[in-house]
Amino acid sequence: MSPPPERSSCKQNALTPMNSPGREFTQSEFNGEERSILLKLAHESIESALEKREISLDPPSPHLAELRGAFTTIYFRGQLHGCVGFVFPVTSLYRTIAETARAAAFEDTRFAPVTREEAPELEVSLSILSGLQPIRAEEIVIGRHGLLISQHGHRGLLLPQVAIEHAWDRVTFLEQTCRKASLPPDAWHSGATSEAFTAEVFGDGESK
């Protein structure tokens, strides 16, 4: 069994434009066909849960079978309606997308579960994570790096696009990640561990 998905902040209130600042930092790893497969899988996973039927979670290619962390964010009529992900690579990317899509739709306690009526109007955004690497504060690039800060059993994560959406500078991004971890905002330079990752972000309606 996979460990429970970890919730991200997902402070967006509306769909993130696919040409938003910061996306130029991300080199595409997934081609148009792979993106389409993963987005279709996310929708199918939600719909199959509503219909109480099973779907195959066997990855269709070695690339999509790789162990990867990922977050699935769903929107309804332009408004955030759920965001759940695995920070660490615990299963194949293909299965991770299916599991996090269902969790975002039905287990994000900030929102009511998705209904049959809402499902056809959902829009999906996927964030495929790289591995975590230790990083110094001065090395952080806004728009490129997401952050995971941990100390004394507390852990907080913010995706790369969050800093762009809120126009945060490097220090504010660090402070806000500390707050997400329920740590003092200056914990990043007083003993907390800072790790960074990158994310390839794509969603419904994006040009291939």
N, C-alpha and C. Protein backbone atom coordinates (compact mmCIF):
# COMPACT_ATOMS: atom_id res chain seq x y z
N MET A 1 0.84 -1.20 0.00
CA MET A 1 0.00 0.00 0.00
C MET A 1 0.87 1.25 0.00
N SER A 2 0.44 2.26 -0.75
CA SER A 2 1.17 3.52 -0.77
C SER A 2 0.87 4.30 0.50
N PRO A 3 1.85 5.10 0.99
CA PRO A 3 1.57 5.95 2.14
C PRO A 3 0.54 7.00 1.78
N PRO A 4 -0.13 7.58 2.79
CA PRO A 4 -1.16 8.58 2.49
C PRO A 4 -0.56 9.74 1.70
N PRO A 5 -1.30 10.26 0.70
CA PRO A 5 -0.80 11.41 -0.05
C PRO A 5 -0.60 12.59 0.87
N GLU A 6 0.40 13.41 0.58
CA GLU A 6 0.67 14.61 1.36
C GLU A 6 0.07 15.82 0.69
N ARG A 7 -0.66 16.62 1.46
CA ARG A 7 -1.31 17.80 0.91
C ARG A 7 -0.32 18.91 0.63
N SER A 8 -0.49 19.57 -0.51
CA SER A 8 0.31 20.76 -0.79
C SER A 8 -0.48 21.99 -0.38
N SER A 9 0.12 23.15 -0.54
CA SER A 9 -0.58 24.38 -0.15
C SER A 9 -1.69 24.72 -1.13
N CYS A 10 -1.36 24.72 -2.42
CA CYS A 10 -2.34 25.04 -3.46
C CYS A 10 -3.13 26.28 -3.11
N LYS A 11 -2.43 27.40 -2.95
CA LYS A 11 -3.11 28.62 -2.55
C LYS A 11 -3.73 29.36 -3.73
N GLN A 12 -3.64 28.80 -4.94
CA GLN A 12 -4.22 29.45 -6.10
C GLN A 12 -5.73 29.52 -5.92
N ASN A 13 -6.35 30.59 -6.40
CA ASN A 13 -7.80 30.71 -6.39
C ASN A 13 -8.39 30.51 -7.77
N ALA A 14 -7.55 30.49 -8.79
CA ALA A 14 -8.03 30.30 -10.14
C ALA A 14 -6.99 29.53 -10.93
N LEU A 15 -7.35 29.15 -12.13
CA LEU A 15 -6.44 28.39 -12.96
C LEU A 15 -5.15 29.16 -13.20
N THR A 16 -4.03 28.49 -13.08
CA THR A 16 -2.73 29.10 -13.35
C THR A 16 -2.50 29.16 -14.84
N PRO A 17 -2.28 30.33 -15.42
CA PRO A 17 -2.02 30.40 -16.86
C PRO A 17 -0.81 29.55 -17.23
N MET A 18 -0.93 28.82 -18.32
CA MET A 18 0.15 27.93 -18.72
C MET A 18 1.37 28.68 -19.21
N ASN A 19 1.22 29.96 -19.53
CA ASN A 19 2.39 30.75 -19.94
C ASN A 19 2.81 31.72 -18.85
N SER A 20 2.50 31.37 -17.59
CA SER A 20 2.83 32.27 -16.48
C SER A 20 4.33 32.37 -16.31
N PRO A 21 4.84 33.47 -15.72
CA PRO A 21 6.27 33.63 -15.50
C PRO A 21 6.82 32.47 -14.69
N GLY A 22 8.02 32.07 -15.02
CA GLY A 22 8.66 30.98 -14.28
C GLY A 22 8.64 29.67 -15.02
N ARG A 23 7.67 29.50 -15.95
CA ARG A 23 7.61 28.24 -16.68
C ARG A 23 8.81 28.07 -17.60
N GLU A 24 9.46 29.17 -17.95
CA GLU A 24 10.62 29.06 -18.84
C GLU A 24 11.78 28.32 -18.18
N PHE A 25 11.74 28.16 -16.85
CA PHE A 25 12.81 27.47 -16.17
C PHE A 25 12.71 25.96 -16.33
N THR A 26 11.52 25.47 -16.71
CA THR A 26 11.29 24.03 -16.73
C THR A 26 11.53 23.46 -18.11
N GLN A 27 12.46 22.55 -18.23
CA GLN A 27 12.70 21.86 -19.48
C GLN A 27 11.75 20.68 -19.57
N SER A 28 11.04 20.56 -20.68
CA SER A 28 10.03 19.53 -20.82
C SER A 28 10.67 18.14 -20.85
N GLU A 29 10.21 17.30 -19.97
CA GLU A 29 10.62 15.89 -19.95
C GLU A 29 9.56 15.02 -20.60
N PHE A 30 8.31 15.46 -20.52
CA PHE A 30 7.19 14.65 -21.00
C PHE A 30 6.66 15.24 -22.30
N ASN A 31 6.55 14.39 -23.32
CA ASN A 31 6.07 14.87 -24.61
C ASN A 31 4.55 15.00 -24.59
N GLY A 32 4.01 15.51 -25.70
CA GLY A 32 2.58 15.78 -25.76
C GLY A 32 1.73 14.54 -25.55
N GLU A 33 2.16 13.41 -26.09
CA GLU A 33 1.39 12.18 -25.93
C GLU A 33 1.37 11.74 -24.47
N GLU A 34 2.52 11.81 -23.81
CA GLU A 34 2.58 11.41 -22.40
C GLU A 34 1.74 12.33 -21.53
N ARG A 35 1.79 13.61 -21.82
CA ARG A 35 0.96 14.56 -21.06
C ARG A 35 -0.52 14.23 -21.23
N SER A 36 -0.93 13.96 -22.46
CA SER A 36 -2.32 13.63 -22.72
C SER A 36 -2.75 12.36 -21.98
N ILE A 37 -1.87 11.36 -21.98
CA ILE A 37 -2.17 10.11 -21.29
C ILE A 37 -2.38 10.36 -19.80
N LEU A 38 -1.50 11.14 -19.18
CA LEU A 38 -1.60 11.38 -17.74
C LEU A 38 -2.81 12.23 -17.39
N LEU A 39 -3.12 13.24 -18.19
CA LEU A 39 -4.30 14.05 -17.93
C LEU A 39 -5.58 13.25 -18.10
N LYS A 40 -5.62 12.43 -19.13
CA LYS A 40 -6.78 11.57 -19.33
C LYS A 40 -6.93 10.60 -18.17
N LEU A 41 -5.82 10.05 -17.71
CA LEU A 41 -5.85 9.13 -16.58
C LEU A 41 -6.43 9.81 -15.34
N ALA A 42 -6.03 11.05 -15.07
CA ALA A 42 -6.54 11.77 -13.89
C ALA A 42 -8.06 11.89 -13.95
N HIS A 43 -8.58 12.29 -15.10
CA HIS A 43 -10.04 12.40 -15.25
C HIS A 43 -10.71 11.04 -15.12
N GLU A 44 -10.12 10.03 -15.76
CA GLU A 44 -10.71 8.69 -15.72
C GLU A 44 -10.72 8.13 -14.31
N SER A 45 -9.68 8.43 -13.55
CA SER A 45 -9.61 7.94 -12.18
C SER A 45 -10.75 8.52 -11.33
N ILE A 46 -11.02 9.81 -11.52
CA ILE A 46 -12.11 10.45 -10.78
C ILE A 46 -13.46 9.90 -11.23
N GLU A 47 -13.65 9.80 -12.52
CA GLU A 47 -14.93 9.31 -13.04
C GLU A 47 -15.20 7.87 -12.65
N SER A 48 -14.16 7.04 -12.67
CA SER A 48 -14.35 5.64 -12.32
C SER A 48 -14.70 5.48 -10.83
N ALA A 49 -14.16 6.36 -10.00
CA ALA A 49 -14.51 6.31 -8.58
C ALA A 49 -15.99 6.65 -8.38
N LEU A 50 -16.48 7.64 -9.11
CA LEU A 50 -17.89 8.00 -9.02
C LEU A 50 -18.78 6.87 -9.52
N GLU A 51 -18.29 6.14 -10.51
CA GLU A 51 -19.07 5.04 -11.10
C GLU A 51 -18.80 3.70 -10.43
N LYS A 52 -17.92 3.72 -9.42
CA LYS A 52 -17.57 2.51 -8.65
C LYS A 52 -17.10 1.37 -9.57
N ARG A 53 -16.17 1.70 -10.45
CA ARG A 53 -15.57 0.69 -11.32
C ARG A 53 -14.06 0.82 -11.25
N GLU A 54 -13.38 -0.25 -11.59
CA GLU A 54 -11.93 -0.28 -11.54
C GLU A 54 -11.33 0.12 -12.89
N ILE A 55 -10.13 0.66 -12.86
CA ILE A 55 -9.39 0.94 -14.09
C ILE A 55 -8.00 0.32 -13.96
N SER A 56 -7.38 0.05 -15.08
CA SER A 56 -6.03 -0.50 -15.06
C SER A 56 -5.04 0.57 -14.64
N LEU A 57 -4.14 0.20 -13.74
CA LEU A 57 -3.09 1.10 -13.31
C LEU A 57 -1.72 0.61 -13.77
N ASP A 58 -1.72 -0.24 -14.79
CA ASP A 58 -0.46 -0.71 -15.36
C ASP A 58 0.11 0.37 -16.28
N PRO A 59 1.31 0.86 -16.00
CA PRO A 59 1.89 1.93 -16.83
C PRO A 59 2.04 1.48 -18.28
N PRO A 60 1.70 2.35 -19.24
CA PRO A 60 1.78 1.98 -20.65
C PRO A 60 3.17 2.10 -21.25
N SER A 61 4.16 2.63 -20.48
CA SER A 61 5.51 2.77 -21.00
C SER A 61 6.49 2.76 -19.84
N PRO A 62 7.76 2.42 -20.10
CA PRO A 62 8.77 2.44 -19.03
C PRO A 62 8.91 3.82 -18.39
N HIS A 63 8.79 4.88 -19.20
CA HIS A 63 8.94 6.23 -18.65
C HIS A 63 7.85 6.51 -17.60
N LEU A 64 6.62 6.14 -17.90
CA LEU A 64 5.52 6.40 -16.97
C LEU A 64 5.50 5.39 -15.82
N ALA A 65 6.36 4.38 -15.91
CA ALA A 65 6.49 3.41 -14.82
C ALA A 65 7.53 3.83 -13.79
N GLU A 66 8.27 4.90 -14.07
CA GLU A 66 9.30 5.36 -13.14
C GLU A 66 8.68 5.81 -11.83
N LEU A 67 9.41 5.60 -10.74
CA LEU A 67 8.96 6.08 -9.43
C LEU A 67 9.16 7.60 -9.37
N ARG A 68 8.07 8.34 -9.22
CA ARG A 68 8.15 9.80 -9.20
C ARG A 68 7.13 10.37 -8.23
N GLY A 69 7.51 11.47 -7.59
CA GLY A 69 6.54 12.23 -6.82
C GLY A 69 5.75 13.13 -7.76
N ALA A 70 4.51 13.41 -7.40
CA ALA A 70 3.67 14.26 -8.24
C ALA A 70 2.49 14.78 -7.44
N PHE A 71 1.96 15.92 -7.89
CA PHE A 71 0.76 16.51 -7.31
C PHE A 71 -0.30 16.66 -8.40
N THR A 72 -1.54 16.39 -8.05
CA THR A 72 -2.66 16.64 -8.94
C THR A 72 -3.52 17.74 -8.33
N THR A 73 -3.77 18.78 -9.12
CA THR A 73 -4.63 19.88 -8.70
C THR A 73 -5.85 19.89 -9.59
N ILE A 74 -7.04 20.01 -8.98
CA ILE A 74 -8.26 20.06 -9.78
C ILE A 74 -8.98 21.38 -9.52
N TYR A 75 -9.65 21.87 -10.57
CA TYR A 75 -10.39 23.11 -10.51
C TYR A 75 -11.80 22.87 -11.03
N PHE A 76 -12.74 23.60 -10.47
CA PHE A 76 -14.13 23.56 -10.95
C PHE A 76 -14.55 24.98 -11.27
N ARG A 77 -14.86 25.21 -12.53
CA ARG A 77 -15.24 26.54 -13.01
C ARG A 77 -14.23 27.60 -12.62
N GLY A 78 -12.95 27.23 -12.76
CA GLY A 78 -11.86 28.17 -12.54
C GLY A 78 -11.40 28.31 -11.11
N GLN A 79 -12.08 27.65 -10.17
CA GLN A 79 -11.72 27.76 -8.77
C GLN A 79 -11.09 26.47 -8.27
N LEU A 80 -10.09 26.62 -7.41
CA LEU A 80 -9.43 25.46 -6.82
C LEU A 80 -10.45 24.56 -6.13
N HIS A 81 -10.36 23.25 -6.38
CA HIS A 81 -11.31 22.31 -5.78
C HIS A 81 -10.61 21.09 -5.19
N GLY A 82 -9.28 21.14 -5.09
CA GLY A 82 -8.55 20.03 -4.47
C GLY A 82 -7.14 19.94 -4.99
N CYS A 83 -6.21 19.61 -4.11
CA CYS A 83 -4.82 19.42 -4.51
C CYS A 83 -4.16 18.46 -3.54
N VAL A 84 -3.67 17.33 -4.06
CA VAL A 84 -3.06 16.29 -3.24
C VAL A 84 -1.89 15.71 -4.01
N GLY A 85 -0.84 15.31 -3.29
CA GLY A 85 0.29 14.71 -3.98
C GLY A 85 1.18 13.89 -3.09
N PHE A 86 2.05 13.16 -3.71
CA PHE A 86 3.14 12.46 -3.05
C PHE A 86 4.40 13.31 -3.23
N VAL A 87 5.03 13.69 -2.13
CA VAL A 87 6.30 14.40 -2.21
C VAL A 87 7.40 13.45 -2.66
N PHE A 88 7.41 12.26 -2.08
CA PHE A 88 8.45 11.29 -2.36
C PHE A 88 7.95 10.25 -3.37
N PRO A 89 8.84 9.70 -4.18
CA PRO A 89 8.44 8.68 -5.16
C PRO A 89 8.15 7.35 -4.48
N VAL A 90 6.88 7.00 -4.37
CA VAL A 90 6.48 5.79 -3.65
C VAL A 90 5.92 4.71 -4.58
N THR A 91 5.57 5.08 -5.81
CA THR A 91 5.04 4.12 -6.76
C THR A 91 5.23 4.70 -8.16
N SER A 92 4.78 4.00 -9.18
CA SER A 92 4.96 4.49 -10.55
C SER A 92 4.25 5.83 -10.73
N LEU A 93 4.78 6.66 -11.62
CA LEU A 93 4.15 7.93 -11.91
C LEU A 93 2.71 7.72 -12.35
N TYR A 94 2.47 6.70 -13.15
CA TYR A 94 1.13 6.43 -13.67
C TYR A 94 0.15 6.19 -12.53
N ARG A 95 0.52 5.34 -11.59
CA ARG A 95 -0.34 5.05 -10.44
C ARG A 95 -0.44 6.28 -9.53
N THR A 96 0.66 7.01 -9.38
CA THR A 96 0.64 8.20 -8.54
C THR A 96 -0.39 9.21 -9.04
N ILE A 97 -0.45 9.43 -10.35
CA ILE A 97 -1.43 10.37 -10.90
C ILE A 97 -2.85 9.88 -10.64
N ALA A 98 -3.09 8.59 -10.83
CA ALA A 98 -4.43 8.05 -10.58
C ALA A 98 -4.83 8.21 -9.12
N GLU A 99 -3.92 7.90 -8.21
CA GLU A 99 -4.23 7.96 -6.79
C GLU A 99 -4.40 9.40 -6.29
N THR A 100 -3.52 10.29 -6.76
CA THR A 100 -3.63 11.68 -6.29
C THR A 100 -4.83 12.39 -6.90
N ALA A 101 -5.22 12.02 -8.11
CA ALA A 101 -6.41 12.62 -8.71
C ALA A 101 -7.64 12.26 -7.89
N ARG A 102 -7.76 10.98 -7.54
CA ARG A 102 -8.89 10.57 -6.70
C ARG A 102 -8.86 11.25 -5.34
N ALA A 103 -7.67 11.33 -4.76
CA ALA A 103 -7.55 11.95 -3.44
C ALA A 103 -7.90 13.44 -3.50
N ALA A 104 -7.46 14.13 -4.56
CA ALA A 104 -7.78 15.55 -4.71
C ALA A 104 -9.29 15.75 -4.87
N ALA A 105 -9.93 14.82 -5.55
CA ALA A 105 -11.37 14.95 -5.81
C ALA A 105 -12.23 14.62 -4.59
N PHE A 106 -11.74 13.68 -3.77
CA PHE A 106 -12.62 13.15 -2.72
C PHE A 106 -12.07 13.22 -1.29
N GLU A 107 -10.77 13.51 -1.14
CA GLU A 107 -10.18 13.43 0.19
C GLU A 107 -9.54 14.73 0.68
N ASP A 108 -9.52 15.76 -0.13
CA ASP A 108 -9.01 17.05 0.32
C ASP A 108 -10.10 17.68 1.18
N THR A 109 -9.89 17.70 2.49
CA THR A 109 -10.94 18.08 3.44
C THR A 109 -11.31 19.56 3.39
N ARG A 110 -10.56 20.35 2.64
CA ARG A 110 -10.91 21.76 2.49
C ARG A 110 -12.11 21.96 1.57
N PHE A 111 -12.46 20.91 0.81
CA PHE A 111 -13.51 21.02 -0.19
C PHE A 111 -14.48 19.86 -0.08
N ALA A 112 -15.71 20.10 -0.52
CA ALA A 112 -16.68 19.01 -0.61
C ALA A 112 -16.24 18.05 -1.70
N PRO A 113 -16.52 16.75 -1.54
CA PRO A 113 -16.16 15.79 -2.59
C PRO A 113 -16.80 16.13 -3.93
N VAL A 114 -16.08 15.84 -4.99
CA VAL A 114 -16.60 16.07 -6.34
C VAL A 114 -17.84 15.22 -6.57
N THR A 115 -18.82 15.78 -7.24
CA THR A 115 -20.05 15.06 -7.56
C THR A 115 -20.05 14.63 -9.03
N ARG A 116 -20.98 13.76 -9.36
CA ARG A 116 -21.13 13.33 -10.76
C ARG A 116 -21.39 14.52 -11.68
N GLU A 117 -22.18 15.47 -11.19
CA GLU A 117 -22.53 16.63 -12.00
C GLU A 117 -21.32 17.52 -12.25
N GLU A 118 -20.42 17.60 -11.29
CA GLU A 118 -19.26 18.47 -11.43
C GLU A 118 -18.17 17.85 -12.28
N ALA A 119 -18.07 16.52 -12.28
CA ALA A 119 -16.93 15.83 -12.91
C ALA A 119 -16.66 16.27 -14.36
N PRO A 120 -17.69 16.41 -15.22
CA PRO A 120 -17.39 16.79 -16.61
C PRO A 120 -16.77 18.17 -16.76
N GLU A 121 -16.93 19.04 -15.76
CA GLU A 121 -16.40 20.40 -15.84
C GLU A 121 -15.06 20.58 -15.13
N LEU A 122 -14.53 19.52 -14.56
CA LEU A 122 -13.26 19.64 -13.85
C LEU A 122 -12.13 19.91 -14.82
N GLU A 123 -11.19 20.72 -14.38
CA GLU A 123 -9.94 20.92 -15.11
C GLU A 123 -8.81 20.46 -14.21
N VAL A 124 -7.80 19.84 -14.82
CA VAL A 124 -6.72 19.20 -14.07
C VAL A 124 -5.38 19.85 -14.41
N SER A 125 -4.55 20.05 -13.40
CA SER A 125 -3.17 20.46 -13.58
C SER A 125 -2.28 19.46 -12.85
N LEU A 126 -1.22 19.02 -13.51
CA LEU A 126 -0.30 18.05 -12.91
C LEU A 126 1.07 18.69 -12.70
N SER A 127 1.68 18.38 -11.56
CA SER A 127 3.04 18.82 -11.25
C SER A 127 3.88 17.58 -10.99
N ILE A 128 4.80 17.27 -11.91
CA ILE A 128 5.65 16.09 -11.79
C ILE A 128 6.96 16.52 -11.16
N LEU A 129 7.30 15.94 -10.02
CA LEU A 129 8.42 16.41 -9.24
C LEU A 129 9.72 15.69 -9.58
N SER A 130 10.81 16.42 -9.46
CA SER A 130 12.14 15.80 -9.50
C SER A 130 12.45 15.28 -8.10
N GLY A 131 13.63 14.69 -7.94
CA GLY A 131 14.08 14.27 -6.61
C GLY A 131 14.43 15.48 -5.76
N LEU A 132 14.45 15.28 -4.44
CA LEU A 132 14.82 16.34 -3.51
C LEU A 132 16.33 16.45 -3.38
N GLN A 133 16.83 17.68 -3.32
CA GLN A 133 18.25 17.93 -3.14
C GLN A 133 18.43 19.03 -2.10
N PRO A 134 19.41 18.90 -1.20
CA PRO A 134 19.70 20.00 -0.27
C PRO A 134 20.03 21.28 -1.05
N ILE A 135 19.62 22.42 -0.50
CA ILE A 135 19.87 23.68 -1.20
C ILE A 135 20.14 24.78 -0.18
N ARG A 136 21.05 25.69 -0.54
CA ARG A 136 21.30 26.87 0.28
C ARG A 136 20.35 27.98 -0.15
N ALA A 137 20.05 28.87 0.76
CA ALA A 137 19.08 29.93 0.48
C ALA A 137 19.44 30.72 -0.77
N GLU A 138 20.71 31.03 -0.91
CA GLU A 138 21.13 31.87 -2.05
C GLU A 138 21.05 31.14 -3.38
N GLU A 139 20.86 29.83 -3.37
CA GLU A 139 20.78 29.05 -4.60
C GLU A 139 19.36 28.93 -5.13
N ILE A 140 18.38 29.30 -4.35
CA ILE A 140 16.98 29.14 -4.74
C ILE A 140 16.64 30.09 -5.89
N VAL A 141 16.03 29.56 -6.93
CA VAL A 141 15.57 30.34 -8.07
C VAL A 141 14.05 30.35 -8.06
N ILE A 142 13.48 31.53 -7.88
CA ILE A 142 12.03 31.65 -7.85
C ILE A 142 11.45 31.25 -9.21
N GLY A 143 10.44 30.40 -9.17
CA GLY A 143 9.83 29.90 -10.39
C GLY A 143 10.40 28.59 -10.86
N ARG A 144 11.60 28.26 -10.39
CA ARG A 144 12.21 26.98 -10.77
C ARG A 144 12.11 25.97 -9.63
N HIS A 145 12.42 26.42 -8.41
CA HIS A 145 12.51 25.49 -7.29
C HIS A 145 11.24 25.50 -6.43
N GLY A 146 10.79 24.30 -6.05
CA GLY A 146 9.87 24.14 -4.94
C GLY A 146 10.70 23.86 -3.71
N LEU A 147 10.10 24.03 -2.53
CA LEU A 147 10.85 23.87 -1.29
C LEU A 147 10.17 22.89 -0.34
N LEU A 148 11.01 22.13 0.36
CA LEU A 148 10.58 21.30 1.48
C LEU A 148 11.47 21.67 2.66
N ILE A 149 10.87 22.20 3.71
CA ILE A 149 11.62 22.58 4.92
C ILE A 149 11.14 21.72 6.07
N SER A 150 12.08 21.16 6.83
CA SER A 150 11.73 20.27 7.92
C SER A 150 12.61 20.51 9.14
N GLN A 151 12.01 20.30 10.31
CA GLN A 151 12.73 20.44 11.57
C GLN A 151 11.86 19.86 12.69
N HIS A 152 12.48 19.07 13.57
CA HIS A 152 11.81 18.54 14.76
C HIS A 152 10.48 17.86 14.43
N GLY A 153 10.46 17.09 13.35
CA GLY A 153 9.25 16.37 13.00
C GLY A 153 8.22 17.18 12.23
N HIS A 154 8.46 18.46 12.02
CA HIS A 154 7.56 19.31 11.25
C HIS A 154 8.08 19.41 9.82
N ARG A 155 7.17 19.42 8.87
CA ARG A 155 7.57 19.46 7.46
C ARG A 155 6.57 20.27 6.66
N GLY A 156 7.07 21.18 5.83
CA GLY A 156 6.20 21.97 4.98
C GLY A 156 6.73 22.02 3.56
N LEU A 157 5.83 21.97 2.60
CA LEU A 157 6.21 21.97 1.19
C LEU A 157 5.39 22.99 0.43
N LEU A 158 6.06 23.73 -0.47
CA LEU A 158 5.38 24.61 -1.41
C LEU A 158 5.91 24.33 -2.81
N LEU A 159 5.00 24.25 -3.77
CA LEU A 159 5.37 24.00 -5.16
C LEU A 159 6.00 25.25 -5.78
N PRO A 160 6.80 25.07 -6.84
CA PRO A 160 7.50 26.21 -7.45
C PRO A 160 6.57 27.34 -7.88
N GLN A 161 5.41 27.01 -8.43
CA GLN A 161 4.53 28.03 -8.97
C GLN A 161 3.89 28.91 -7.91
N VAL A 162 3.88 28.46 -6.65
CA VAL A 162 3.26 29.26 -5.59
C VAL A 162 3.99 30.58 -5.39
N ALA A 163 5.32 30.54 -5.42
CA ALA A 163 6.09 31.78 -5.24
C ALA A 163 5.82 32.77 -6.37
N ILE A 164 5.68 32.27 -7.59
CA ILE A 164 5.38 33.13 -8.73
C ILE A 164 4.01 33.76 -8.58
N GLU A 165 3.01 32.95 -8.23
CA GLU A 165 1.63 33.44 -8.15
C GLU A 165 1.47 34.53 -7.09
N HIS A 166 2.30 34.47 -6.04
CA HIS A 166 2.18 35.45 -4.96
C HIS A 166 3.26 36.53 -5.04
N ALA A 167 4.08 36.48 -6.09
CA ALA A 167 5.14 37.49 -6.29
C ALA A 167 6.07 37.57 -5.08
N TRP A 168 6.42 36.40 -4.52
CA TRP A 168 7.32 36.35 -3.38
C TRP A 168 8.77 36.42 -3.83
N ASP A 169 9.60 37.06 -3.02
CA ASP A 169 11.03 36.97 -3.24
C ASP A 169 11.56 35.72 -2.52
N ARG A 170 12.87 35.50 -2.60
CA ARG A 170 13.46 34.28 -2.06
C ARG A 170 13.22 34.13 -0.56
N VAL A 171 13.43 35.20 0.19
CA VAL A 171 13.28 35.14 1.64
C VAL A 171 11.82 34.89 2.02
N THR A 172 10.90 35.56 1.35
CA THR A 172 9.48 35.35 1.65
C THR A 172 9.07 33.91 1.35
N PHE A 173 9.58 33.36 0.27
CA PHE A 173 9.28 31.97 -0.08
C PHE A 173 9.77 31.04 1.02
N LEU A 174 10.97 31.27 1.52
CA LEU A 174 11.50 30.46 2.62
C LEU A 174 10.64 30.62 3.87
N GLU A 175 10.28 31.85 4.18
CA GLU A 175 9.47 32.09 5.38
C GLU A 175 8.10 31.44 5.28
N GLN A 176 7.49 31.53 4.12
CA GLN A 176 6.17 30.94 3.95
C GLN A 176 6.22 29.41 4.00
N THR A 177 7.30 28.84 3.51
CA THR A 177 7.44 27.39 3.61
C THR A 177 7.62 26.96 5.06
N CYS A 178 8.35 27.77 5.84
CA CYS A 178 8.47 27.50 7.28
C CYS A 178 7.10 27.57 7.95
N ARG A 179 6.32 28.56 7.61
CA ARG A 179 4.98 28.68 8.19
C ARG A 179 4.12 27.46 7.83
N LYS A 180 4.28 26.98 6.59
CA LYS A 180 3.53 25.78 6.16
C LYS A 180 3.90 24.59 7.04
N ALA A 181 5.13 24.57 7.52
CA ALA A 181 5.61 23.48 8.39
C ALA A 181 5.28 23.74 9.86
N SER A 182 4.56 24.82 10.15
CA SER A 182 4.25 25.22 11.53
C SER A 182 5.53 25.50 12.32
N LEU A 183 6.49 26.09 11.63
CA LEU A 183 7.75 26.50 12.24
C LEU A 183 7.83 28.02 12.25
N PRO A 184 8.68 28.61 13.09
CA PRO A 184 8.89 30.06 13.03
C PRO A 184 9.37 30.45 11.64
N PRO A 185 8.99 31.63 11.17
CA PRO A 185 9.36 32.01 9.79
C PRO A 185 10.86 32.10 9.54
N ASP A 186 11.66 32.25 10.61
CA ASP A 186 13.11 32.31 10.42
C ASP A 186 13.80 30.97 10.64
N ALA A 187 13.02 29.89 10.72
CA ALA A 187 13.63 28.58 10.98
C ALA A 187 14.56 28.15 9.86
N TRP A 188 14.37 28.68 8.65
CA TRP A 188 15.21 28.28 7.51
C TRP A 188 16.67 28.63 7.73
N HIS A 189 16.97 29.64 8.56
CA HIS A 189 18.38 29.95 8.83
C HIS A 189 18.74 29.72 10.30
N SER A 190 17.91 28.91 10.99
CA SER A 190 18.23 28.61 12.39
C SER A 190 18.06 27.12 12.69
N GLY A 191 18.54 26.30 11.75
CA GLY A 191 18.61 24.88 12.01
C GLY A 191 17.71 23.98 11.19
N ALA A 192 16.70 24.52 10.54
CA ALA A 192 15.83 23.68 9.72
C ALA A 192 16.56 23.21 8.47
N THR A 193 16.14 22.08 7.95
CA THR A 193 16.70 21.53 6.72
C THR A 193 15.89 22.02 5.51
N SER A 194 16.58 22.56 4.54
CA SER A 194 15.93 23.05 3.32
C SER A 194 16.33 22.15 2.15
N GLU A 195 15.32 21.63 1.44
CA GLU A 195 15.55 20.82 0.25
C GLU A 195 14.71 21.39 -0.88
N ALA A 196 15.22 21.27 -2.08
CA ALA A 196 14.54 21.82 -3.25
C ALA A 196 14.24 20.73 -4.27
N PHE A 197 13.27 21.04 -5.11
CA PHE A 197 12.92 20.16 -6.23
C PHE A 197 12.40 21.04 -7.35
N THR A 198 12.37 20.50 -8.53
CA THR A 198 11.73 21.18 -9.65
C THR A 198 10.46 20.43 -10.00
N ALA A 199 9.60 21.07 -10.76
CA ALA A 199 8.34 20.45 -11.16
C ALA A 199 8.02 20.81 -12.59
N GLU A 200 7.65 19.82 -13.37
CA GLU A 200 7.12 20.08 -14.70
C GLU A 200 5.61 20.15 -14.57
N VAL A 201 5.06 21.32 -14.90
CA VAL A 201 3.64 21.58 -14.68
C VAL A 201 2.92 21.69 -16.02
N PHE A 202 1.82 20.96 -16.16
CA PHE A 202 1.01 21.06 -17.37
C PHE A 202 -0.42 20.68 -17.03
N GLY A 203 -1.35 21.12 -17.87
CA GLY A 203 -2.75 20.88 -17.57
C GLY A 203 -3.64 20.86 -18.78
N ASP A 204 -4.93 20.71 -18.53
CA ASP A 204 -5.93 20.68 -19.58
C ASP A 204 -5.88 21.97 -20.40
N GLY A 205 -5.99 21.83 -21.71
CA GLY A 205 -6.07 22.99 -22.57
C GLY A 205 -4.73 23.57 -22.96
N GLU A 206 -3.63 22.99 -22.44
CA GLU A 206 -2.32 23.49 -22.80
C GLU A 206 -1.98 23.11 -24.22
N SER A 207 -1.36 24.03 -24.92
CA SER A 207 -0.91 23.75 -26.30
C SER A 207 0.21 22.74 -26.27
N LYS A 208 0.17 21.77 -27.14
CA LYS A 208 1.22 20.74 -27.21
C LYS A 208 2.36 21.23 -28.06
